[in-house]
Amino acid sequence: MDQLELVARLAVAAAAGAVVGFERETRNHVAGMQTHLLVSLGAALFTVAGAYGFTPFVAPYNTPRLPGAAFRHQPGRFTACGRGCSRAGSG
């Protein structure tokens, strides 16, 4: 993924969060546009980092361990860890 696609994905996530937040602000809910924009941007960044951030350091999951690779690539584990921590933190 090149940098332009990365920025486009993050911008779409931020825009979607802003739309949801704006709708909530117009109905006088507590969490407004800024909150939803930041939460959706953080979630998108976390997901992109888990899926593409460790590519230079890993071996494909279906290959035997290579001498230069630190671990096998399982991007779902990184995002699952974040989901579990956020769920535990939210109560």
C-alpha atoms as a PDB file:
ATOM      1  CA  MET A   1       0.000   0.000   0.000  1.00  0.00           C
ATOM      2  CA  ASP A   2       1.444   3.363  -0.940  1.00  0.00           C
ATOM      3  CA  GLN A   3       1.186   6.509   1.158  1.00  0.00           C
ATOM      4  CA  LEU A   4      -1.604   8.042  -0.911  1.00  0.00           C
ATOM      5  CA  GLU A   5      -3.849   5.031  -0.345  1.00  0.00           C
ATOM      6  CA  LEU A   6      -3.029   5.085   3.369  1.00  0.00           C
ATOM      7  CA  VAL A   7      -3.967   8.758   3.666  1.00  0.00           C
ATOM      8  CA  ALA A   8      -7.141   8.171   1.638  1.00  0.00           C
ATOM      9  CA  ARG A   9      -8.245   5.319   3.924  1.00  0.00           C
ATOM     10  CA  LEU A  10      -7.637   7.395   7.040  1.00  0.00           C
ATOM     11  CA  ALA A  11      -9.435  10.397   5.519  1.00  0.00           C
ATOM     12  CA  VAL A  12     -12.491   8.289   4.659  1.00  0.00           C
ATOM     13  CA  ALA A  13     -12.590   6.912   8.204  1.00  0.00           C
ATOM     14  CA  ALA A  14     -12.287  10.408   9.681  1.00  0.00           C
ATOM     15  CA  ALA A  15     -15.016  11.735   7.387  1.00  0.00           C
ATOM     16  CA  ALA A  16     -17.372   8.892   8.290  1.00  0.00           C
ATOM     17  CA  GLY A  17     -16.751   9.503  11.992  1.00  0.00           C
ATOM     18  CA  ALA A  18     -17.339  13.224  11.529  1.00  0.00           C
ATOM     19  CA  VAL A  19     -20.676  12.572   9.802  1.00  0.00           C
ATOM     20  CA  VAL A  20     -21.841  10.311  12.625  1.00  0.00           C
ATOM     21  CA  GLY A  21     -20.615  12.805  15.219  1.00  0.00           C
ATOM     22  CA  PHE A  22     -22.313  15.725  13.492  1.00  0.00           C
ATOM     23  CA  GLU A  23     -25.603  13.826  13.477  1.00  0.00           C
ATOM     24  CA  ARG A  24     -25.219  13.185  17.208  1.00  0.00           C
ATOM     25  CA  GLU A  25     -24.368  16.840  17.891  1.00  0.00           C
ATOM     26  CA  THR A  26     -27.510  18.003  16.138  1.00  0.00           C
ATOM     27  CA  ARG A  27     -29.531  15.772  18.484  1.00  0.00           C
ATOM     28  CA  ASN A  28     -27.659  17.070  21.576  1.00  0.00           C
ATOM     29  CA  HIS A  29     -25.978  13.779  22.505  1.00  0.00           C
ATOM     30  CA  VAL A  30     -22.896  13.837  24.718  1.00  0.00           C
ATOM     31  CA  ALA A  31     -20.317  12.425  22.285  1.00  0.00           C
ATOM     32  CA  GLY A  32     -20.162  14.764  19.326  1.00  0.00           C
ATOM     33  CA  MET A  33     -18.265  15.275  16.113  1.00  0.00           C
ATOM     34  CA  GLN A  34     -14.768  15.612  17.571  1.00  0.00           C
ATOM     35  CA  THR A  35     -15.125  12.471  19.673  1.00  0.00           C
ATOM     36  CA  HIS A  36     -16.418  10.314  16.835  1.00  0.00           C
ATOM     37  CA  LEU A  37     -13.882  11.695  14.369  1.00  0.00           C
ATOM     38  CA  LEU A  38     -10.963  10.864  16.676  1.00  0.00           C
ATOM     39  CA  VAL A  39     -12.289   7.430  17.627  1.00  0.00           C
ATOM     40  CA  SER A  40     -12.873   6.399  14.005  1.00  0.00           C
ATOM     41  CA  LEU A  41      -9.487   7.769  12.936  1.00  0.00           C
ATOM     42  CA  GLY A  42      -7.764   5.882  15.753  1.00  0.00           C
ATOM     43  CA  ALA A  43      -9.567   2.653  14.891  1.00  0.00           C
ATOM     44  CA  ALA A  44      -8.615   2.970  11.227  1.00  0.00           C
ATOM     45  CA  LEU A  45      -4.991   3.724  12.084  1.00  0.00           C
ATOM     46  CA  PHE A  46      -4.835   0.770  14.454  1.00  0.00           C
ATOM     47  CA  THR A  47      -6.286  -1.568  11.831  1.00  0.00           C
ATOM     48  CA  VAL A  48      -3.952  -0.353   9.079  1.00  0.00           C
ATOM     49  CA  ALA A  49      -0.950  -0.652  11.407  1.00  0.00           C
ATOM     50  CA  GLY A  50      -1.909  -4.208  12.285  1.00  0.00           C
ATOM     51  CA  ALA A  51      -2.466  -5.260   8.705  1.00  0.00           C
ATOM     52  CA  TYR A  52       0.451  -3.523   6.978  1.00  0.00           C
ATOM     53  CA  GLY A  53       2.806  -2.154   9.634  1.00  0.00           C
ATOM     54  CA  PHE A  54       4.802  -5.284  10.369  1.00  0.00           C
ATOM     55  CA  THR A  55       5.253  -6.593   6.825  1.00  0.00           C
ATOM     56  CA  PRO A  56       9.055  -6.033   6.624  1.00  0.00           C
ATOM     57  CA  PHE A  57       9.643  -8.005   9.821  1.00  0.00           C
ATOM     58  CA  VAL A  58       7.519 -11.093   9.288  1.00  0.00           C
ATOM     59  CA  ALA A  59       7.347 -14.272   7.267  1.00  0.00           C
ATOM     60  CA  PRO A  60       4.093 -15.341   5.618  1.00  0.00           C
ATOM     61  CA  TYR A  61       2.005 -17.474   7.955  1.00  0.00           C
ATOM     62  CA  ASN A  62       1.952 -20.567   5.772  1.00  0.00           C
ATOM     63  CA  THR A  63       5.776 -20.831   5.426  1.00  0.00           C
ATOM     64  CA  PRO A  64       8.244 -22.324   7.880  1.00  0.00           C
ATOM     65  CA  ARG A  65      10.051 -19.887  10.110  1.00  0.00           C
ATOM     66  CA  LEU A  66      12.739 -18.021   8.189  1.00  0.00           C
ATOM     67  CA  PRO A  67      16.036 -17.080   9.854  1.00  0.00           C
ATOM     68  CA  GLY A  68      15.543 -13.331   9.299  1.00  0.00           C
ATOM     69  CA  ALA A  69      11.868 -13.172  10.252  1.00  0.00           C
ATOM     70  CA  ALA A  70      10.982 -12.398  13.846  1.00  0.00           C
ATOM     71  CA  PHE A  71       7.497 -13.963  13.749  1.00  0.00           C
ATOM     72  CA  ARG A  72       4.823 -15.161  11.372  1.00  0.00           C
ATOM     73  CA  HIS A  73       2.328 -12.693   9.972  1.00  0.00           C
ATOM     74  CA  GLN A  74      -1.108 -12.841  11.577  1.00  0.00           C
ATOM     75  CA  PRO A  75      -2.590  -9.339  11.321  1.00  0.00           C
ATOM     76  CA  GLY A  76      -5.805 -10.417  13.016  1.00  0.00           C
ATOM     77  CA  ARG A  77      -3.998 -11.034  16.287  1.00  0.00           C
ATOM     78  CA  PHE A  78      -2.788  -7.442  16.526  1.00  0.00           C
ATOM     79  CA  THR A  79      -6.256  -5.993  15.956  1.00  0.00           C
ATOM     80  CA  ALA A  80      -7.873  -8.590  18.221  1.00  0.00           C
ATOM     81  CA  CYS A  81      -5.547  -7.551  21.031  1.00  0.00           C
ATOM     82  CA  GLY A  82      -6.588  -3.931  20.583  1.00  0.00           C
ATOM     83  CA  ARG A  83     -10.263  -4.810  20.508  1.00  0.00           C
ATOM     84  CA  GLY A  84      -9.913  -6.834  23.686  1.00  0.00           C
ATOM     85  CA  CYS A  85      -8.058  -4.084  25.523  1.00  0.00           C
ATOM     86  CA  SER A  86     -10.567  -1.420  24.461  1.00  0.00           C
ATOM     87  CA  ARG A  87     -13.495  -3.635  25.453  1.00  0.00           C
ATOM     88  CA  ALA A  88     -11.936  -4.263  28.872  1.00  0.00           C
ATOM     89  CA  GLY A  89     -11.254  -0.555  29.315  1.00  0.00           C
ATOM     90  CA  SER A  90     -14.805   0.465  28.438  1.00  0.00           C
ATOM     91  CA  GLY A  91     -16.241  -1.679  31.211  1.00  0.00           C
END
